[in-house]
Amino acid sequence: MDVSRAQVPLGRVHVIVERCKQCNFCIDYCPTSVLEYSPDTNAKGYHFPVVSQGKETACVNCRFCDLICPELAIYTTEVEAEQTA
């Protein structure tokens, strides 16, 4: 494998704000520590996750948040390299 040609995938985080119940799973288990709680709350009074300032390009689209969220309130999509250039 040519390591110089290997590319780390880039993901974009999407949150369905009204589904979030502030369980902490996505924030606690994100391998790149991309997420933090918003100071705002949803209609149920829960703080929902947002991408931390300065970490907009740190998501590696591992999709772990998709899998661990019990409310299906968060998911990621892959961003093509051309879109970030």
PDB file of N, CA and C in Angstrom:
ATOM      1  N   MET A   1       0.839  -1.176   0.000  1.00  0.00           N
ATOM      2  CA  MET A   1       0.000   0.000   0.000  1.00  0.00           C
ATOM      3  C   MET A   1       0.881   1.235   0.000  1.00  0.00           C
ATOM      4  N   ASP A   2       0.567   2.160  -0.848  1.00  0.00           N
ATOM      5  CA  ASP A   2       1.302   3.423  -0.933  1.00  0.00           C
ATOM      6  C   ASP A   2       0.653   4.416   0.034  1.00  0.00           C
ATOM      7  N   VAL A   3       1.276   4.600   1.187  1.00  0.00           N
ATOM      8  CA  VAL A   3       0.713   5.451   2.230  1.00  0.00           C
ATOM      9  C   VAL A   3       0.563   6.894   1.768  1.00  0.00           C
ATOM     10  N   SER A   4       1.426   7.353   0.897  1.00  0.00           N
ATOM     11  CA  SER A   4       1.337   8.739   0.434  1.00  0.00           C
ATOM     12  C   SER A   4       0.075   8.988  -0.390  1.00  0.00           C
ATOM     13  N   ARG A   5      -0.517   7.932  -0.926  1.00  0.00           N
ATOM     14  CA  ARG A   5      -1.731   8.087  -1.729  1.00  0.00           C
ATOM     15  C   ARG A   5      -3.009   7.794  -0.944  1.00  0.00           C
ATOM     16  N   ALA A   6      -2.862   7.306   0.273  1.00  0.00           N
ATOM     17  CA  ALA A   6      -4.034   6.998   1.098  1.00  0.00           C
ATOM     18  C   ALA A   6      -4.741   8.287   1.493  1.00  0.00           C
ATOM     19  N   GLN A   7      -6.055   8.239   1.484  1.00  0.00           N
ATOM     20  CA  GLN A   7      -6.844   9.416   1.836  1.00  0.00           C
ATOM     21  C   GLN A   7      -7.776   9.083   2.997  1.00  0.00           C
ATOM     22  N   VAL A   8      -7.828   9.962   3.948  1.00  0.00           N
ATOM     23  CA  VAL A   8      -8.772   9.828   5.055  1.00  0.00           C
ATOM     24  C   VAL A   8     -10.108  10.375   4.571  1.00  0.00           C
ATOM     25  N   PRO A   9     -11.183   9.615   4.718  1.00  0.00           N
ATOM     26  CA  PRO A   9     -12.474  10.128   4.263  1.00  0.00           C
ATOM     27  C   PRO A   9     -12.897  11.346   5.077  1.00  0.00           C
ATOM     28  N   LEU A  10     -13.668  12.190   4.459  1.00  0.00           N
ATOM     29  CA  LEU A  10     -14.187  13.388   5.112  1.00  0.00           C
ATOM     30  C   LEU A  10     -15.699  13.260   5.197  1.00  0.00           C
ATOM     31  N   GLY A  11     -16.230  13.499   6.382  1.00  0.00           N
ATOM     32  CA  GLY A  11     -17.672  13.393   6.575  1.00  0.00           C
ATOM     33  C   GLY A  11     -18.284  14.712   6.964  1.00  0.00           C
ATOM     34  N   ARG A  12     -19.580  14.787   6.786  1.00  0.00           N
ATOM     35  CA  ARG A  12     -20.363  15.948   7.222  1.00  0.00           C
ATOM     36  C   ARG A  12     -21.422  15.423   8.184  1.00  0.00           C
ATOM     37  N   VAL A  13     -21.539  16.057   9.333  1.00  0.00           N
ATOM     38  CA  VAL A  13     -22.475  15.638  10.372  1.00  0.00           C
ATOM     39  C   VAL A  13     -23.815  16.335  10.164  1.00  0.00           C
ATOM     40  N   HIS A  14     -24.885  15.556  10.280  1.00  0.00           N
ATOM     41  CA  HIS A  14     -26.250  16.076  10.182  1.00  0.00           C
ATOM     42  C   HIS A  14     -26.995  15.674  11.450  1.00  0.00           C
ATOM     43  N   VAL A  15     -27.692  16.618  12.056  1.00  0.00           N
ATOM     44  CA  VAL A  15     -28.436  16.357  13.284  1.00  0.00           C
ATOM     45  C   VAL A  15     -29.908  16.688  13.069  1.00  0.00           C
ATOM     46  N   ILE A  16     -30.761  15.767  13.442  1.00  0.00           N
ATOM     47  CA  ILE A  16     -32.200  16.019  13.447  1.00  0.00           C
ATOM     48  C   ILE A  16     -32.508  16.497  14.865  1.00  0.00           C
ATOM     49  N   VAL A  17     -32.493  17.799  15.029  1.00  0.00           N
ATOM     50  CA  VAL A  17     -32.505  18.456  16.334  1.00  0.00           C
ATOM     51  C   VAL A  17     -33.647  17.972  17.222  1.00  0.00           C
ATOM     52  N   GLU A  18     -34.839  17.867  16.701  1.00  0.00           N
ATOM     53  CA  GLU A  18     -36.006  17.522  17.525  1.00  0.00           C
ATOM     54  C   GLU A  18     -36.003  16.070  18.001  1.00  0.00           C
ATOM     55  N   ARG A  19     -35.193  15.210  17.415  1.00  0.00           N
ATOM     56  CA  ARG A  19     -35.118  13.821  17.874  1.00  0.00           C
ATOM     57  C   ARG A  19     -34.150  13.644  19.032  1.00  0.00           C
ATOM     58  N   CYS A  20     -33.218  14.546  19.189  1.00  0.00           N
ATOM     59  CA  CYS A  20     -32.157  14.399  20.186  1.00  0.00           C
ATOM     60  C   CYS A  20     -32.716  14.446  21.605  1.00  0.00           C
ATOM     61  N   LYS A  21     -32.234  13.505  22.453  1.00  0.00           N
ATOM     62  CA  LYS A  21     -32.614  13.470  23.868  1.00  0.00           C
ATOM     63  C   LYS A  21     -31.386  13.595  24.767  1.00  0.00           C
ATOM     64  N   GLN A  22     -30.302  14.130  24.231  1.00  0.00           N
ATOM     65  CA  GLN A  22     -29.091  14.445  24.991  1.00  0.00           C
ATOM     66  C   GLN A  22     -28.556  13.232  25.757  1.00  0.00           C
ATOM     67  N   CYS A  23     -28.441  12.105  25.077  1.00  0.00           N
ATOM     68  CA  CYS A  23     -27.956  10.885  25.734  1.00  0.00           C
ATOM     69  C   CYS A  23     -26.434  10.878  25.916  1.00  0.00           C
ATOM     70  N   ASN A  24     -25.731  11.743  25.229  1.00  0.00           N
ATOM     71  CA  ASN A  24     -24.263  11.884  25.297  1.00  0.00           C
ATOM     72  C   ASN A  24     -23.489  10.873  24.463  1.00  0.00           C
ATOM     73  N   PHE A  25     -24.125   9.858  23.912  1.00  0.00           N
ATOM     74  CA  PHE A  25     -23.388   8.811  23.220  1.00  0.00           C
ATOM     75  C   PHE A  25     -22.558   9.348  22.060  1.00  0.00           C
ATOM     76  N   CYS A  26     -23.134  10.186  21.228  1.00  0.00           N
ATOM     77  CA  CYS A  26     -22.399  10.676  20.053  1.00  0.00           C
ATOM     78  C   CYS A  26     -21.191  11.503  20.463  1.00  0.00           C
ATOM     79  N   ILE A  27     -21.334  12.303  21.484  1.00  0.00           N
ATOM     80  CA  ILE A  27     -20.233  13.153  21.946  1.00  0.00           C
ATOM     81  C   ILE A  27     -19.176  12.320  22.657  1.00  0.00           C
ATOM     82  N   ASP A  28     -19.606  11.430  23.533  1.00  0.00           N
ATOM     83  CA  ASP A  28     -18.666  10.631  24.313  1.00  0.00           C
ATOM     84  C   ASP A  28     -17.859   9.647  23.476  1.00  0.00           C
ATOM     85  N   TYR A  29     -18.461   9.107  22.418  1.00  0.00           N
ATOM     86  CA  TYR A  29     -17.808   8.042  21.675  1.00  0.00           C
ATOM     87  C   TYR A  29     -17.283   8.433  20.298  1.00  0.00           C
ATOM     88  N   CYS A  30     -17.359   9.697  19.934  1.00  0.00           N
ATOM     89  CA  CYS A  30     -16.809  10.135  18.644  1.00  0.00           C
ATOM     90  C   CYS A  30     -15.289   9.959  18.678  1.00  0.00           C
ATOM     91  N   PRO A  31     -14.725   9.166  17.771  1.00  0.00           N
ATOM     92  CA  PRO A  31     -13.288   8.904  17.826  1.00  0.00           C
ATOM     93  C   PRO A  31     -12.423  10.119  17.506  1.00  0.00           C
ATOM     94  N   THR A  32     -12.983  11.126  16.870  1.00  0.00           N
ATOM     95  CA  THR A  32     -12.198  12.324  16.557  1.00  0.00           C
ATOM     96  C   THR A  32     -12.657  13.544  17.360  1.00  0.00           C
ATOM     97  N   SER A  33     -13.526  13.334  18.341  1.00  0.00           N
ATOM     98  CA  SER A  33     -14.017  14.400  19.227  1.00  0.00           C
ATOM     99  C   SER A  33     -14.507  15.628  18.460  1.00  0.00           C
ATOM    100  N   VAL A  34     -15.334  15.370  17.480  1.00  0.00           N
ATOM    101  CA  VAL A  34     -15.848  16.431  16.602  1.00  0.00           C
ATOM    102  C   VAL A  34     -17.014  17.190  17.230  1.00  0.00           C
ATOM    103  N   LEU A  35     -17.755  16.542  18.113  1.00  0.00           N
ATOM    104  CA  LEU A  35     -19.028  17.097  18.581  1.00  0.00           C
ATOM    105  C   LEU A  35     -18.956  17.713  19.969  1.00  0.00           C
ATOM    106  N   GLU A  36     -19.856  18.679  20.174  1.00  0.00           N
ATOM    107  CA  GLU A  36     -20.081  19.277  21.485  1.00  0.00           C
ATOM    108  C   GLU A  36     -21.555  19.651  21.547  1.00  0.00           C
ATOM    109  N   TYR A  37     -22.040  20.008  22.738  1.00  0.00           N
ATOM    110  CA  TYR A  37     -23.433  20.410  22.841  1.00  0.00           C
ATOM    111  C   TYR A  37     -23.623  21.852  22.444  1.00  0.00           C
ATOM    112  N   SER A  38     -24.720  22.096  21.774  1.00  0.00           N
ATOM    113  CA  SER A  38     -25.133  23.448  21.433  1.00  0.00           C
ATOM    114  C   SER A  38     -25.622  24.132  22.704  1.00  0.00           C
ATOM    115  N   PRO A  39     -25.415  25.431  22.819  1.00  0.00           N
ATOM    116  CA  PRO A  39     -26.001  26.135  23.963  1.00  0.00           C
ATOM    117  C   PRO A  39     -27.528  26.235  23.828  1.00  0.00           C
ATOM    118  N   ASP A  40     -28.030  26.031  22.618  1.00  0.00           N
ATOM    119  CA  ASP A  40     -29.471  26.074  22.362  1.00  0.00           C
ATOM    120  C   ASP A  40     -30.102  24.732  22.735  1.00  0.00           C
ATOM    121  N   THR A  41     -31.404  24.723  22.882  1.00  0.00           N
ATOM    122  CA  THR A  41     -32.132  23.496  23.172  1.00  0.00           C
ATOM    123  C   THR A  41     -33.223  23.286  22.131  1.00  0.00           C
ATOM    124  N   ASN A  42     -33.640  22.021  22.019  1.00  0.00           N
ATOM    125  CA  ASN A  42     -34.749  21.713  21.127  1.00  0.00           C
ATOM    126  C   ASN A  42     -36.066  21.929  21.885  1.00  0.00           C
ATOM    127  N   ALA A  43     -37.188  21.623  21.265  1.00  0.00           N
ATOM    128  CA  ALA A  43     -38.501  21.868  21.876  1.00  0.00           C
ATOM    129  C   ALA A  43     -38.706  21.064  23.158  1.00  0.00           C
ATOM    130  N   LYS A  44     -37.980  19.950  23.298  1.00  0.00           N
ATOM    131  CA  LYS A  44     -38.104  19.120  24.502  1.00  0.00           C
ATOM    132  C   LYS A  44     -37.193  19.605  25.622  1.00  0.00           C
ATOM    133  N   GLY A  45     -36.354  20.591  25.336  1.00  0.00           N
ATOM    134  CA  GLY A  45     -35.459  21.129  26.352  1.00  0.00           C
ATOM    135  C   GLY A  45     -34.088  20.492  26.403  1.00  0.00           C
ATOM    136  N   TYR A  46     -33.761  19.672  25.416  1.00  0.00           N
ATOM    137  CA  TYR A  46     -32.463  18.998  25.375  1.00  0.00           C
ATOM    138  C   TYR A  46     -31.460  19.786  24.544  1.00  0.00           C
ATOM    139  N   HIS A  47     -30.225  19.803  24.989  1.00  0.00           N
ATOM    140  CA  HIS A  47     -29.142  20.360  24.184  1.00  0.00           C
ATOM    141  C   HIS A  47     -28.769  19.303  23.154  1.00  0.00           C
ATOM    142  N   PHE A  48     -28.601  19.698  21.934  1.00  0.00           N
ATOM    143  CA  PHE A  48     -28.299  18.782  20.843  1.00  0.00           C
ATOM    144  C   PHE A  48     -26.847  18.966  20.397  1.00  0.00           C
ATOM    145  N   PRO A  49     -26.270  17.958  19.753  1.00  0.00           N
ATOM    146  CA  PRO A  49     -24.875  18.066  19.344  1.00  0.00           C
ATOM    147  C   PRO A  49     -24.697  18.959  18.120  1.00  0.00           C
ATOM    148  N   VAL A  50     -23.567  19.620  18.083  1.00  0.00           N
ATOM    149  CA  VAL A  50     -23.132  20.400  16.924  1.00  0.00           C
ATOM    150  C   VAL A  50     -21.648  20.122  16.722  1.00  0.00           C
ATOM    151  N   VAL A  51     -21.153  20.420  15.552  1.00  0.00           N
ATOM    152  CA  VAL A  51     -19.736  20.271  15.276  1.00  0.00           C
ATOM    153  C   VAL A  51     -18.990  21.400  15.984  1.00  0.00           C
ATOM    154  N   SER A  52     -17.957  21.025  16.731  1.00  0.00           N
ATOM    155  CA  SER A  52     -17.156  22.010  17.460  1.00  0.00           C
ATOM    156  C   SER A  52     -16.476  22.964  16.491  1.00  0.00           C
ATOM    157  N   GLN A  53     -16.382  24.218  16.893  1.00  0.00           N
ATOM    158  CA  GLN A  53     -15.725  25.209  16.064  1.00  0.00           C
ATOM    159  C   GLN A  53     -14.266  24.792  15.850  1.00  0.00           C
ATOM    160  N   GLY A  54     -13.836  24.872  14.609  1.00  0.00           N
ATOM    161  CA  GLY A  54     -12.480  24.486  14.247  1.00  0.00           C
ATOM    162  C   GLY A  54     -12.339  23.016  13.886  1.00  0.00           C
ATOM    163  N   LYS A  55     -13.412  22.237  14.035  1.00  0.00           N
ATOM    164  CA  LYS A  55     -13.362  20.803  13.729  1.00  0.00           C
ATOM    165  C   LYS A  55     -14.245  20.448  12.531  1.00  0.00           C
ATOM    166  N   GLU A  56     -14.553  21.437  11.718  1.00  0.00           N
ATOM    167  CA  GLU A  56     -15.450  21.231  10.581  1.00  0.00           C
ATOM    168  C   GLU A  56     -14.944  20.177   9.603  1.00  0.00           C
ATOM    169  N   THR A  57     -13.649  19.975   9.532  1.00  0.00           N
ATOM    170  CA  THR A  57     -13.091  18.984   8.601  1.00  0.00           C
ATOM    171  C   THR A  57     -12.490  17.788   9.333  1.00  0.00           C
ATOM    172  N   ALA A  58     -12.838  17.599  10.600  1.00  0.00           N
ATOM    173  CA  ALA A  58     -12.263  16.504  11.381  1.00  0.00           C
ATOM    174  C   ALA A  58     -13.084  15.213  11.331  1.00  0.00           C
ATOM    175  N   CYS A  59     -14.328  15.271  10.901  1.00  0.00           N
ATOM    176  CA  CYS A  59     -15.153  14.062  10.824  1.00  0.00           C
ATOM    177  C   CYS A  59     -14.592  13.144   9.738  1.00  0.00           C
ATOM    178  N   VAL A  60     -14.388  11.869  10.100  1.00  0.00           N
ATOM    179  CA  VAL A  60     -13.833  10.909   9.147  1.00  0.00           C
ATOM    180  C   VAL A  60     -14.899   9.963   8.594  1.00  0.00           C
ATOM    181  N   ASN A  61     -16.158  10.310   8.800  1.00  0.00           N
ATOM    182  CA  ASN A  61     -17.294   9.543   8.291  1.00  0.00           C
ATOM    183  C   ASN A  61     -17.244   8.080   8.730  1.00  0.00           C
ATOM    184  N   CYS A  62     -16.884   7.848   9.979  1.00  0.00           N
ATOM    185  CA  CYS A  62     -16.857   6.482  10.502  1.00  0.00           C
ATOM    186  C   CYS A  62     -18.261   5.943  10.731  1.00  0.00           C
ATOM    187  N   ARG A  63     -19.217   6.841  10.858  1.00  0.00           N
ATOM    188  CA  ARG A  63     -20.629   6.538  11.040  1.00  0.00           C
ATOM    189  C   ARG A  63     -20.947   5.912  12.397  1.00  0.00           C
ATOM    190  N   PHE A  64     -20.021   6.021  13.331  1.00  0.00           N
ATOM    191  CA  PHE A  64     -20.287   5.458  14.648  1.00  0.00           C
ATOM    192  C   PHE A  64     -21.451   6.175  15.328  1.00  0.00           C
ATOM    193  N   CYS A  65     -21.547   7.494  15.155  1.00  0.00           N
ATOM    194  CA  CYS A  65     -22.670   8.227  15.754  1.00  0.00           C
ATOM    195  C   CYS A  65     -23.999   7.736  15.186  1.00  0.00           C
ATOM    196  N   ASP A  66     -24.026   7.398  13.896  1.00  0.00           N
ATOM    197  CA  ASP A  66     -25.238   6.848  13.265  1.00  0.00           C
ATOM    198  C   ASP A  66     -25.676   5.576  13.999  1.00  0.00           C
ATOM    199  N   LEU A  67     -24.706   4.737  14.281  1.00  0.00           N
ATOM    200  CA  LEU A  67     -24.989   3.425  14.853  1.00  0.00           C
ATOM    201  C   LEU A  67     -25.342   3.474  16.332  1.00  0.00           C
ATOM    202  N   ILE A  68     -24.758   4.402  17.074  1.00  0.00           N
ATOM    203  CA  ILE A  68     -24.916   4.416  18.526  1.00  0.00           C
ATOM    204  C   ILE A  68     -26.100   5.252  19.004  1.00  0.00           C
ATOM    205  N   CYS A  69     -26.618   6.133  18.187  1.00  0.00           N
ATOM    206  CA  CYS A  69     -27.708   7.016  18.610  1.00  0.00           C
ATOM    207  C   CYS A  69     -29.019   6.235  18.743  1.00  0.00           C
ATOM    208  N   PRO A  70     -29.580   6.150  19.961  1.00  0.00           N
ATOM    209  CA  PRO A  70     -30.823   5.396  20.142  1.00  0.00           C
ATOM    210  C   PRO A  70     -32.045   6.074  19.519  1.00  0.00           C
ATOM    211  N   GLU A  71     -31.955   7.361  19.240  1.00  0.00           N
ATOM    212  CA  GLU A  71     -33.085   8.101  18.677  1.00  0.00           C
ATOM    213  C   GLU A  71     -32.946   8.356  17.178  1.00  0.00           C
ATOM    214  N   LEU A  72     -31.860   7.870  16.572  1.00  0.00           N
ATOM    215  CA  LEU A  72     -31.590   8.103  15.139  1.00  0.00           C
ATOM    216  C   LEU A  72     -31.613   9.596  14.819  1.00  0.00           C
ATOM    217  N   ALA A  73     -31.006  10.369  15.707  1.00  0.00           N
ATOM    218  CA  ALA A  73     -31.030  11.825  15.583  1.00  0.00           C
ATOM    219  C   ALA A  73     -29.802  12.392  14.889  1.00  0.00           C
ATOM    220  N   ILE A  74     -28.829  11.559  14.567  1.00  0.00           N
ATOM    221  CA  ILE A  74     -27.595  12.052  13.975  1.00  0.00           C
ATOM    222  C   ILE A  74     -27.124  11.068  12.914  1.00  0.00           C
ATOM    223  N   TYR A  75     -26.541  11.604  11.853  1.00  0.00           N
ATOM    224  CA  TYR A  75     -25.959  10.761  10.820  1.00  0.00           C
ATOM    225  C   TYR A  75     -24.892  11.562  10.092  1.00  0.00           C
ATOM    226  N   THR A  76     -24.074  10.863   9.345  1.00  0.00           N
ATOM    227  CA  THR A  76     -23.021  11.531   8.569  1.00  0.00           C
ATOM    228  C   THR A  76     -23.136  11.138   7.103  1.00  0.00           C
ATOM    229  N   THR A  77     -22.625  12.000   6.268  1.00  0.00           N
ATOM    230  CA  THR A  77     -22.521  11.710   4.843  1.00  0.00           C
ATOM    231  C   THR A  77     -21.095  11.999   4.416  1.00  0.00           C
ATOM    232  N   GLU A  78     -20.648  11.277   3.406  1.00  0.00           N
ATOM    233  CA  GLU A  78     -19.293  11.490   2.919  1.00  0.00           C
ATOM    234  C   GLU A  78     -19.245  12.717   2.017  1.00  0.00           C
ATOM    235  N   VAL A  79     -18.195  13.487   2.191  1.00  0.00           N
ATOM    236  CA  VAL A  79     -17.978  14.674   1.365  1.00  0.00           C
ATOM    237  C   VAL A  79     -16.885  14.303   0.363  1.00  0.00           C
ATOM    238  N   GLU A  80     -17.164  14.515  -0.887  1.00  0.00           N
ATOM    239  CA  GLU A  80     -16.178  14.230  -1.917  1.00  0.00           C
ATOM    240  C   GLU A  80     -15.010  15.194  -1.827  1.00  0.00           C
ATOM    241  N   ALA A  81     -13.817  14.741  -2.153  1.00  0.00           N
ATOM    242  CA  ALA A  81     -12.596  15.563  -2.051  1.00  0.00           C
ATOM    243  C   ALA A  81     -12.694  16.839  -2.889  1.00  0.00           C
ATOM    244  N   GLU A  82     -13.359  16.764  -4.047  1.00  0.00           N
ATOM    245  CA  GLU A  82     -13.474  17.936  -4.909  1.00  0.00           C
ATOM    246  C   GLU A  82     -14.300  19.033  -4.264  1.00  0.00           C
ATOM    247  N   GLN A  83     -15.262  18.672  -3.406  1.00  0.00           N
ATOM    248  CA  GLN A  83     -16.124  19.647  -2.761  1.00  0.00           C
ATOM    249  C   GLN A  83     -15.383  20.443  -1.701  1.00  0.00           C
ATOM    250  N   THR A  84     -14.293  19.895  -1.165  1.00  0.00           N
ATOM    251  CA  THR A  84     -13.569  20.560  -0.092  1.00  0.00           C
ATOM    252  C   THR A  84     -12.404  21.385  -0.608  1.00  0.00           C
ATOM    253  N   ALA A  85     -12.036  21.226  -1.840  1.00  0.00           N
ATOM    254  CA  ALA A  85     -10.886  21.951  -2.388  1.00  0.00           C
ATOM    255  C   ALA A  85     -11.208  23.381  -2.718  1.00  0.00           C
TER     256      ALA A  85
END
